[in-house]
Every structure is written in C-alpha cells, then in structure tokens.
Protein backbone atom coordinates (compact mmCIF):
# COMPACT_ATOMS: atom_id res chain seq x y z
CA MET A 1 -87.81 31.52 38.67
CA LYS A 2 -88.29 34.20 36.07
CA ARG A 3 -84.56 34.90 36.11
CA ASN A 4 -83.76 31.33 35.00
CA LYS A 5 -86.22 31.60 32.13
CA ILE A 6 -84.67 34.86 30.94
CA SER A 7 -81.19 33.33 31.20
CA ALA A 8 -82.30 30.33 29.17
CA ILE A 9 -83.82 32.53 26.46
CA ILE A 10 -80.61 34.58 26.26
CA CYS A 11 -78.60 31.37 25.91
CA PHE A 12 -80.88 30.14 23.11
CA ILE A 13 -80.55 33.45 21.26
CA THR A 14 -76.77 33.39 21.70
CA SER A 15 -76.70 29.83 20.40
CA LEU A 16 -78.70 30.84 17.34
CA LEU A 17 -76.30 33.72 16.65
CA PHE A 18 -73.29 31.40 16.95
CA TYR A 19 -74.91 28.96 14.49
CA ILE A 20 -75.61 31.75 12.00
CA HIS A 21 -72.04 32.97 12.34
CA ALA A 22 -70.77 29.42 11.80
CA ILE A 23 -72.76 29.07 8.58
CA LEU A 24 -71.37 32.35 7.30
CA ASN A 25 -67.84 31.39 8.35
CA PHE A 26 -67.84 28.03 6.55
CA SER A 27 -67.60 29.80 3.20
CA SER A 28 -64.29 31.51 4.04
CA GLU A 29 -62.61 29.65 6.94
CA GLY A 30 -63.86 26.15 7.64
CA SER A 31 -61.96 25.66 10.88
CA MET A 32 -63.46 28.72 12.54
CA GLY A 33 -66.92 27.54 11.52
CA VAL A 34 -66.39 24.37 13.55
CA VAL A 35 -65.40 26.44 16.58
CA TYR A 36 -68.59 28.50 16.32
CA ILE A 37 -70.71 25.37 15.98
CA CYS A 38 -69.15 24.04 19.18
CA LEU A 39 -69.82 27.32 20.98
CA GLY A 40 -73.41 27.35 19.73
CA SER A 41 -73.93 23.81 20.97
CA THR A 42 -72.50 24.73 24.36
CA PHE A 43 -74.92 27.63 24.77
CA LEU A 44 -77.79 25.44 23.58
CA CYS A 45 -76.97 22.92 26.32
CA LEU A 46 -76.67 25.66 28.94
CA GLY A 47 -80.10 26.99 28.01
CA ALA A 48 -81.60 23.53 28.28
CA VAL A 49 -80.01 23.02 31.71
CA TRP A 50 -81.40 26.33 32.97
CA LEU A 51 -84.87 25.45 31.73
CA ASN A 52 -84.62 22.07 33.45
CA ASP A 53 -83.56 23.75 36.71
CA ARG A 54 -86.61 25.97 36.43
CA LYS A 55 -88.91 22.95 36.09
CA ASP A 56 -87.28 21.34 39.13
CA ASP A 57 -87.86 24.52 41.16
CA ASP A 58 -91.54 24.58 40.13
CA ASN A 59 -92.06 20.99 41.30
CA LYS A 60 -90.75 21.68 44.82
C-alpha cells in the first residue's frame, strides 16, 4: 500500500518537472514543448491511477 503511494508521488513530481521543462522549451522550440506537455500529462494520469488503486486496496 505504501509502495503505491510513493509511486504516485514520484509520478506527480515527474509530471511537474515535465511541465516546467515544457514551459521553458516553448520559448525556443515550440514543438518540443508540446511533447513535454504530453509526457507530463501521461505521468499525471499514471499517478492518479496508482492513487486510485491504493484506495481500492484500502476498501477491500
């Protein structure tokens, strides 16, 4: 249970770093900024899924 929470937190931090990198990249290369926004969104969704799995495990 604790492992899923740690994994979710790592995914949220990774997502935040991808978003920051995307903002910095938009000033020089716009197309790469879009790629980093997509990667950040992917990790944000993965973190949410892992948190949801943790809640399902707690209810059982």
